[in-house]
Amino acid sequence: MRLELSLTIDPIDYKKLTTGENIAILFRPFPIGRKFALAPLINTDNSEKIKFCTNTYVEVIDKEVISQDKINNDLAKLLNMTLEELQAKLSNSDNLLLMYFRVYCFEPQIKVLTSNQIGFMPLPELTEIKNPVPLFSDHLFQKRKQEIKSRQSSEHSKLENLQISLNQLSITNPSAQVLNQQIQTFLGYGDSTSTMLNNQILDWIKDKQISTLGNRSIELEEKKTTYQAGTDFENIVKRGLGFLGFTIDYSHKGGAGGLDLVCLKPYPLFGECKAGKSIPNATVVQLLNLGTIRNNELFQKTDTVKLIIGSGKPTAQVLDGANVHKMAIINPISLQKLVELKAKYDGAINLF
C-alpha cells in the first residue's frame, strides 16, 4: 500500500485518533477511501515546514453532514468533547463534516512534513507501507461508528481498551498478536473456529517467508544482492524466533562480519543464518569466534543454545564441528513449520 500525502491536524484530534479515544472528528470533507499519513500541527511563529516521524495513517471511511441543530450532549460525549467545544468548532469554521477515520499503525516510522497550518503535505518520497495493523478491529470499529451515528453510547469494557493497546503493540510484538486474537474470541467477535493463520497480521507466515527467504534462489528471482538476501533471511529468522517466544536482542546488529542472532530469554541463544546452497566449512568457527567476542561469559554457559540455520546441506566438516561444540543445525523449513504450528495452536510450542 502506497502513501503520497500526509495530513496535518489539530494536536488534540491527533492524540484522540492515535490513542483510540475517537474515530471521528470535525473536518473538511475528503473522498471516502483516501489514505493519508497522519501528523499533528506544530505551533511555530512562521510557516516553516518541520520533519515529523509517524507510524500511523488514516483511511477515510465515512462522512456525515452535521449542523448546530443536530448536535447535543450525547454526540459531544461520544466525540470526547464538551457541548460548548463542539458548538464553538462548528461556528468558527465553514464546510465542516463529521469525518470517520480508521487509523492504521505500521513499522518502521516514516518522515513526513508538518507545519503550523492544518492541511495536506506531499511526502518527501513515495512510501510503501507493509503489513499495517488497524488500531480497531473490524467489529470494534463498526460498533463505535454505530454508536456515534445513533448518538447512543455503550459502556466500553476494559478488554476492548486493552485490545486497542494490543493492536499497537502487535506490530513489533508477536505475543501481542496472539493475545489480541484470544481477546477477540473471548469478546465474541473473533472466529474461534479459525486459526491465527487467517489473520492479516500473519501474512508472513502464510506466505512461508522463512523457508522462501532461506532459499538463495530468491536472490536471482528478485535480483537481490548477496548481502540483501542474507539480511532479509536474518530478519525473518529473528521474527520467527520472536513469534515462538524468544526475546530478541534487537540492540545487537548482525550483518557482514557480525553475529547474526542473539536471544536473551527464556535462555540465551546465539545463532548464525546462512541463506545459501550450502553451509560453509567456516560457519562453526565463525559462530565460536563471534559468540566469544559478543559475550564470552554468556556464550560459554551450559544452558546457552548455539544455533546454525540454513537451507543448504552442511558439509561433513560443519557436522563434525557442530557435534564437538554442541551446536544445533536446523533447516528454515523446520522453523517455518514451528511458527505455523504455534499460529494454529497457541501453547503447542514449549521452548524448553
Protein backbone atom coordinates (compact mmCIF):
# COMPACT_ATOMS: atom_id res chain seq x y z
CA MET A 1 0.00 0.00 0.00
CA ARG A 2 1.45 3.37 -1.05
CA LEU A 3 1.14 6.76 0.61
CA GLU A 4 1.66 10.02 -1.24
CA LEU A 5 0.29 12.65 1.15
CA SER A 6 0.35 13.44 4.85
CA LEU A 7 -2.45 15.18 6.71
CA THR A 8 -1.68 17.71 9.42
CA ILE A 9 -4.45 18.00 12.02
CA ASP A 10 -5.00 19.69 15.37
CA PRO A 11 -2.77 18.09 18.07
CA ILE A 12 -5.81 17.30 20.22
CA ASP A 13 -7.51 15.47 17.34
CA TYR A 14 -4.22 13.72 16.54
CA LYS A 15 -3.95 12.42 20.11
CA LYS A 16 -7.57 11.28 20.20
CA LEU A 17 -7.34 9.41 16.90
CA THR A 18 -3.98 7.72 17.54
CA THR A 19 -4.87 6.62 21.10
CA GLY A 20 -8.30 5.28 20.15
CA GLU A 21 -10.33 7.92 22.01
CA ASN A 22 -12.04 8.96 18.78
CA ILE A 23 -12.79 7.51 15.37
CA ALA A 24 -14.45 10.70 14.06
CA ILE A 25 -13.52 14.39 14.08
CA LEU A 26 -14.97 17.58 12.60
CA PHE A 27 -13.00 18.28 9.45
CA ARG A 28 -13.26 19.33 5.83
CA PRO A 29 -14.73 16.67 3.52
CA PHE A 30 -12.49 14.15 1.73
CA PRO A 31 -13.43 11.36 -0.69
CA ILE A 32 -14.13 8.07 1.05
CA GLY A 33 -11.25 5.66 0.68
CA ARG A 34 -8.46 8.28 0.64
CA LYS A 35 -5.45 7.49 2.83
CA PHE A 36 -3.07 9.94 4.49
CA ALA A 37 -0.06 9.66 6.77
CA LEU A 38 -1.01 11.45 9.98
CA ALA A 39 0.85 14.29 11.68
CA PRO A 40 -0.02 16.89 14.35
CA LEU A 41 0.07 20.61 13.76
CA ILE A 42 3.26 22.21 15.14
CA ASN A 43 2.93 25.64 16.74
CA THR A 44 5.63 27.90 15.30
CA ASP A 45 5.93 31.60 14.56
CA ASN A 46 6.39 31.03 10.86
CA SER A 47 5.19 28.70 8.16
CA GLU A 48 8.41 26.70 8.05
CA LYS A 49 7.94 23.03 7.28
CA ILE A 50 9.15 20.68 10.01
CA LYS A 51 10.03 16.99 9.76
CA PHE A 52 7.94 14.68 11.92
CA CYS A 53 8.23 10.89 12.35
CA THR A 54 4.95 9.00 12.27
CA ASN A 55 3.88 5.35 12.26
CA THR A 56 0.16 5.93 11.65
CA TYR A 57 -2.02 6.66 8.66
CA VAL A 58 -5.77 7.17 8.34
CA GLU A 59 -8.33 5.97 5.83
CA VAL A 60 -11.50 7.98 5.23
CA ILE A 61 -14.34 5.55 5.98
CA ASP A 62 -17.48 7.69 6.09
CA LYS A 63 -18.75 11.27 6.45
CA GLU A 64 -21.82 12.85 7.95
CA VAL A 65 -23.34 16.28 7.46
CA ILE A 66 -23.67 17.99 10.82
CA SER A 67 -25.07 21.35 11.93
CA GLN A 68 -25.76 23.26 15.13
CA ASP A 69 -29.32 21.94 15.32
CA LYS A 70 -28.09 18.34 15.07
CA ILE A 71 -25.63 18.35 17.95
CA ASN A 72 -26.31 17.55 21.59
CA ASN A 73 -24.57 16.38 24.74
CA ASP A 74 -24.71 12.75 23.62
CA LEU A 75 -22.76 13.48 20.44
CA ALA A 76 -20.28 15.68 22.30
CA LYS A 77 -19.65 12.88 24.79
CA LEU A 78 -19.15 10.34 22.01
CA LEU A 79 -16.56 12.65 20.43
CA ASN A 80 -14.83 13.22 23.78
CA MET A 81 -15.70 16.92 23.73
CA THR A 82 -17.88 19.27 25.73
CA LEU A 83 -21.02 20.59 24.05
CA GLU A 84 -19.52 24.10 24.20
CA GLU A 85 -16.35 22.94 22.39
CA LEU A 86 -18.43 21.23 19.72
CA GLN A 87 -20.63 24.30 19.20
CA ALA A 88 -17.60 26.61 19.04
CA LYS A 89 -15.82 24.48 16.45
CA LEU A 90 -18.86 24.39 14.20
CA SER A 91 -19.49 28.13 14.49
CA ASN A 92 -15.84 29.08 13.79
CA SER A 93 -15.45 27.09 10.58
CA ASP A 94 -17.49 26.59 7.43
CA ASN A 95 -17.92 23.41 5.42
CA LEU A 96 -17.10 21.01 8.24
CA LEU A 97 -18.40 17.46 8.22
CA LEU A 98 -18.14 14.70 10.77
CA MET A 99 -15.39 12.61 9.17
CA TYR A 100 -14.92 8.98 10.20
CA PHE A 101 -11.27 7.96 10.09
CA ARG A 102 -9.85 4.49 10.60
CA VAL A 103 -6.33 4.58 12.00
CA TYR A 104 -3.65 2.08 10.96
CA CYS A 105 -0.27 1.55 12.60
CA PHE A 106 2.89 0.38 10.87
CA GLU A 107 6.63 -0.03 11.33
CA PRO A 108 9.15 1.38 10.73
CA GLN A 109 8.27 5.03 11.17
CA ILE A 110 8.40 7.34 8.17
CA LYS A 111 9.32 11.01 7.93
CA VAL A 112 6.59 13.46 6.94
CA LEU A 113 6.40 17.23 6.79
CA THR A 114 4.19 19.27 9.09
CA SER A 115 3.78 22.98 9.84
CA ASN A 116 1.63 25.45 11.76
CA GLN A 117 -1.25 25.07 9.29
CA ILE A 118 -3.83 22.29 9.03
CA GLY A 119 -3.89 20.58 5.66
CA PHE A 120 -2.05 18.39 3.18
CA MET A 121 1.65 17.95 2.65
CA PRO A 122 3.27 15.78 -0.04
CA LEU A 123 5.51 13.10 1.42
CA PRO A 124 9.23 13.68 0.84
CA GLU A 125 9.12 10.49 -1.24
CA LEU A 126 6.53 7.94 -2.32
CA THR A 127 6.27 5.47 0.56
CA GLU A 128 5.34 1.79 0.52
CA ILE A 129 3.63 0.64 3.73
CA LYS A 130 3.82 -3.08 4.52
CA ASN A 131 1.60 -5.06 6.92
CA PRO A 132 -0.32 -2.16 8.51
CA VAL A 133 -2.36 -3.04 11.60
CA PRO A 134 -5.74 -1.34 12.25
CA LEU A 135 -5.96 0.32 15.65
CA PHE A 136 -9.53 -1.01 16.00
CA SER A 137 -10.64 -4.48 14.94
CA ASP A 138 -13.36 -4.54 12.26
CA HIS A 139 -16.06 -5.38 14.81
CA LEU A 140 -14.99 -2.77 17.34
CA PHE A 141 -14.67 -0.03 14.72
CA GLN A 142 -18.18 -0.71 13.39
CA LYS A 143 -19.51 -0.74 16.95
CA ARG A 144 -18.00 2.68 17.73
CA LYS A 145 -19.17 4.07 14.40
CA GLN A 146 -22.75 2.92 15.02
CA GLU A 147 -22.71 4.47 18.48
CA ILE A 148 -21.87 7.88 17.02
CA LYS A 149 -24.42 7.65 14.22
CA SER A 150 -27.18 6.61 16.62
CA ARG A 151 -25.96 9.06 19.31
CA GLN A 152 -26.15 6.22 21.81
CA SER A 153 -23.08 5.40 23.83
CA SER A 154 -22.48 1.99 25.33
CA GLU A 155 -20.01 1.10 28.04
CA HIS A 156 -16.55 0.33 26.69
CA SER A 157 -15.12 -2.65 28.51
CA LYS A 158 -11.57 -2.72 29.78
CA LEU A 159 -10.92 -5.65 27.44
CA GLU A 160 -11.90 -3.52 24.44
CA ASN A 161 -9.47 -0.82 25.54
CA LEU A 162 -6.79 -3.46 26.08
CA GLN A 163 -7.36 -4.75 22.57
CA ILE A 164 -6.65 -1.29 21.15
CA SER A 165 -3.35 -1.20 23.01
CA LEU A 166 -2.51 -4.71 21.81
CA ASN A 167 -3.13 -3.68 18.21
CA GLN A 168 -0.43 -1.03 18.59
CA LEU A 169 1.97 -3.49 20.22
CA SER A 170 1.34 -6.29 17.73
CA ILE A 171 3.37 -4.56 15.02
CA THR A 172 6.59 -5.47 16.81
CA ASN A 173 5.47 -7.96 19.48
CA PRO A 174 4.23 -11.34 18.18
CA SER A 175 2.89 -12.30 21.64
CA ALA A 176 0.53 -9.32 21.47
CA GLN A 177 -0.87 -10.73 18.20
CA VAL A 178 -1.77 -13.97 19.92
CA LEU A 179 -3.33 -12.32 22.99
CA ASN A 180 -5.27 -9.93 20.75
CA GLN A 181 -6.83 -12.84 18.85
CA GLN A 182 -7.73 -14.57 22.10
CA ILE A 183 -9.44 -11.42 23.45
CA GLN A 184 -11.47 -11.02 20.26
CA THR A 185 -12.64 -14.61 20.56
CA PHE A 186 -13.47 -14.10 24.24
CA LEU A 187 -15.47 -10.95 23.47
CA GLY A 188 -17.48 -12.89 20.91
CA TYR A 189 -16.40 -11.27 17.66
CA GLY A 190 -13.41 -13.42 16.82
CA ASP A 191 -13.93 -16.64 14.87
CA SER A 192 -12.99 -19.31 17.39
CA THR A 193 -13.01 -21.94 14.63
CA SER A 194 -10.49 -20.07 12.52
CA THR A 195 -6.76 -20.11 13.10
CA MET A 196 -4.32 -17.30 13.57
CA LEU A 197 -3.11 -18.02 10.06
CA ASN A 198 -6.27 -16.37 8.77
CA ASN A 199 -5.25 -13.11 10.44
CA GLN A 200 -3.88 -10.45 8.10
CA ILE A 201 -1.14 -9.72 10.64
CA LEU A 202 0.38 -13.14 9.99
CA ASP A 203 0.69 -12.96 6.21
CA TRP A 204 4.42 -13.53 6.58
CA ILE A 205 3.66 -16.98 8.00
CA LYS A 206 1.05 -17.87 5.37
CA ASP A 207 3.46 -16.77 2.63
CA LYS A 208 6.15 -19.06 4.08
CA GLN A 209 8.65 -16.23 4.11
CA ILE A 210 11.07 -18.07 6.41
CA SER A 211 11.58 -21.00 4.06
CA THR A 212 11.35 -18.78 0.98
CA LEU A 213 13.95 -16.25 2.11
CA GLY A 214 16.18 -19.07 3.27
CA ASN A 215 16.35 -20.23 -0.33
CA ARG A 216 19.01 -18.21 -2.12
CA SER A 217 17.26 -18.67 -5.47
CA ILE A 218 15.13 -15.67 -4.46
CA GLU A 219 18.26 -13.60 -4.84
CA LEU A 220 18.20 -14.33 -8.55
CA GLU A 221 14.42 -14.07 -8.95
CA GLU A 222 14.19 -10.65 -7.29
CA LYS A 223 17.67 -9.52 -8.37
CA LYS A 224 18.81 -9.09 -4.78
CA THR A 225 22.43 -8.69 -3.82
CA THR A 226 24.03 -11.43 -1.75
CA TYR A 227 24.15 -9.03 1.21
CA GLN A 228 20.46 -8.07 0.93
CA ALA A 229 19.36 -11.70 0.55
CA GLY A 230 21.31 -12.61 3.68
CA THR A 231 19.93 -9.65 5.64
CA ASP A 232 16.33 -10.45 4.67
CA PHE A 233 16.77 -14.04 5.83
CA GLU A 234 18.39 -12.93 9.09
CA ASN A 235 15.48 -10.57 9.81
CA ILE A 236 12.77 -13.17 9.10
CA VAL A 237 14.55 -15.71 11.34
CA LYS A 238 14.51 -13.16 14.17
CA ARG A 239 10.81 -12.57 13.56
CA GLY A 240 10.11 -16.30 13.61
CA LEU A 241 12.03 -16.92 16.83
CA GLY A 242 10.36 -13.88 18.41
CA PHE A 243 6.97 -15.30 17.45
CA LEU A 244 7.87 -18.58 19.17
CA GLY A 245 8.58 -16.67 22.38
CA PHE A 246 12.28 -15.81 22.33
CA THR A 247 13.32 -12.32 23.40
CA ILE A 248 15.47 -11.00 20.56
CA ASP A 249 18.31 -8.61 21.37
CA TYR A 250 17.49 -6.03 18.69
CA SER A 251 20.20 -3.71 20.01
CA HIS A 252 22.65 -6.23 18.57
CA LYS A 253 23.28 -5.70 14.87
CA GLY A 254 24.37 -8.56 12.65
CA GLY A 255 25.29 -8.17 9.02
CA ALA A 256 28.55 -8.89 7.26
CA GLY A 257 31.26 -9.81 9.76
CA GLY A 258 28.90 -9.74 12.73
CA LEU A 259 26.99 -12.30 14.77
CA ASP A 260 23.59 -12.72 13.12
CA LEU A 261 21.41 -13.55 16.08
CA VAL A 262 21.30 -13.12 19.86
CA CYS A 263 18.31 -14.12 22.02
CA LEU A 264 18.22 -13.41 25.75
CA LYS A 265 15.13 -15.21 27.09
CA PRO A 266 13.88 -17.75 28.11
CA TYR A 267 17.51 -18.83 27.75
CA PRO A 268 20.49 -17.45 25.80
CA LEU A 269 20.71 -18.32 22.11
CA PHE A 270 23.49 -17.35 19.71
CA GLY A 271 22.97 -18.03 16.03
CA GLU A 272 24.29 -17.82 12.50
CA CYS A 273 21.94 -17.63 9.49
CA LYS A 274 23.08 -18.99 6.12
CA ALA A 275 20.79 -18.28 3.16
CA GLY A 276 22.73 -20.31 0.61
CA LYS A 277 23.01 -23.58 -1.23
CA SER A 278 25.44 -24.91 1.36
CA ILE A 279 26.52 -24.21 4.92
CA PRO A 280 30.22 -23.27 4.59
CA ASN A 281 33.00 -25.02 6.49
CA ALA A 282 33.88 -21.82 8.37
CA THR A 283 30.39 -21.47 9.93
CA VAL A 284 31.19 -23.32 13.17
CA VAL A 285 34.40 -21.36 13.74
CA GLN A 286 32.61 -18.14 12.84
CA LEU A 287 29.89 -18.77 15.44
CA LEU A 288 32.50 -19.67 18.07
CA ASN A 289 34.61 -16.57 17.44
CA LEU A 290 31.76 -14.07 17.16
CA GLY A 291 29.88 -15.52 20.15
CA THR A 292 33.01 -15.28 22.28
CA ILE A 293 33.59 -11.67 21.23
CA ARG A 294 29.94 -10.73 21.78
CA ASN A 295 29.68 -12.06 25.35
CA ASN A 296 32.09 -14.85 26.25
CA GLU A 297 30.65 -15.44 29.73
CA LEU A 298 27.11 -15.82 28.41
CA PHE A 299 28.24 -17.79 25.34
CA GLN A 300 30.03 -20.39 27.48
CA LYS A 301 27.10 -21.04 29.85
CA THR A 302 25.86 -24.61 29.80
CA ASP A 303 22.25 -23.62 29.01
CA THR A 304 23.22 -21.35 26.08
CA VAL A 305 21.98 -22.67 22.74
CA LYS A 306 24.26 -22.33 19.73
CA LEU A 307 22.25 -22.48 16.52
CA ILE A 308 23.07 -22.65 12.82
CA ILE A 309 20.09 -22.23 10.49
CA GLY A 310 20.44 -22.65 6.75
CA SER A 311 18.68 -24.25 3.80
CA GLY A 312 21.86 -25.71 2.34
CA LYS A 313 23.39 -29.08 3.14
CA PRO A 314 26.03 -28.82 5.88
CA THR A 315 29.44 -30.17 4.92
CA ALA A 316 30.97 -33.09 6.82
CA GLN A 317 33.35 -30.62 8.48
CA VAL A 318 30.43 -28.50 9.69
CA LEU A 319 28.64 -31.56 11.08
CA ASP A 320 31.76 -32.72 12.91
CA GLY A 321 32.46 -29.26 14.34
CA ALA A 322 28.86 -28.74 15.40
CA ASN A 323 28.86 -32.08 17.18
CA VAL A 324 32.08 -31.28 19.08
CA HIS A 325 30.88 -27.83 20.16
CA LYS A 326 27.26 -28.88 20.82
CA MET A 327 25.70 -26.71 18.15
CA ALA A 328 22.26 -27.32 16.69
CA ILE A 329 21.69 -27.18 12.93
CA ILE A 330 18.17 -26.70 11.55
CA ASN A 331 16.66 -26.05 8.14
CA PRO A 332 14.48 -22.93 7.61
CA ILE A 333 11.59 -25.26 6.77
CA SER A 334 11.76 -26.61 10.34
CA LEU A 335 11.44 -23.09 11.77
CA GLN A 336 8.65 -22.36 9.29
CA LYS A 337 6.71 -25.42 10.49
CA LEU A 338 7.22 -24.45 14.13
CA VAL A 339 5.75 -20.96 13.69
CA GLU A 340 2.85 -22.41 11.66
CA LEU A 341 2.14 -24.85 14.48
CA LYS A 342 2.15 -22.09 17.10
CA ALA A 343 -0.04 -19.90 14.88
CA LYS A 344 -2.63 -22.68 14.60
CA TYR A 345 -2.39 -23.96 18.17
CA ASP A 346 -1.11 -21.42 20.65
CA GLY A 347 0.62 -23.20 23.50
CA ALA A 348 1.77 -26.11 21.33
CA ILE A 349 5.41 -24.95 21.44
CA ASN A 350 7.44 -25.43 24.61
CA LEU A 351 10.78 -23.67 24.20
CA PHE A 352 12.37 -25.82 26.88
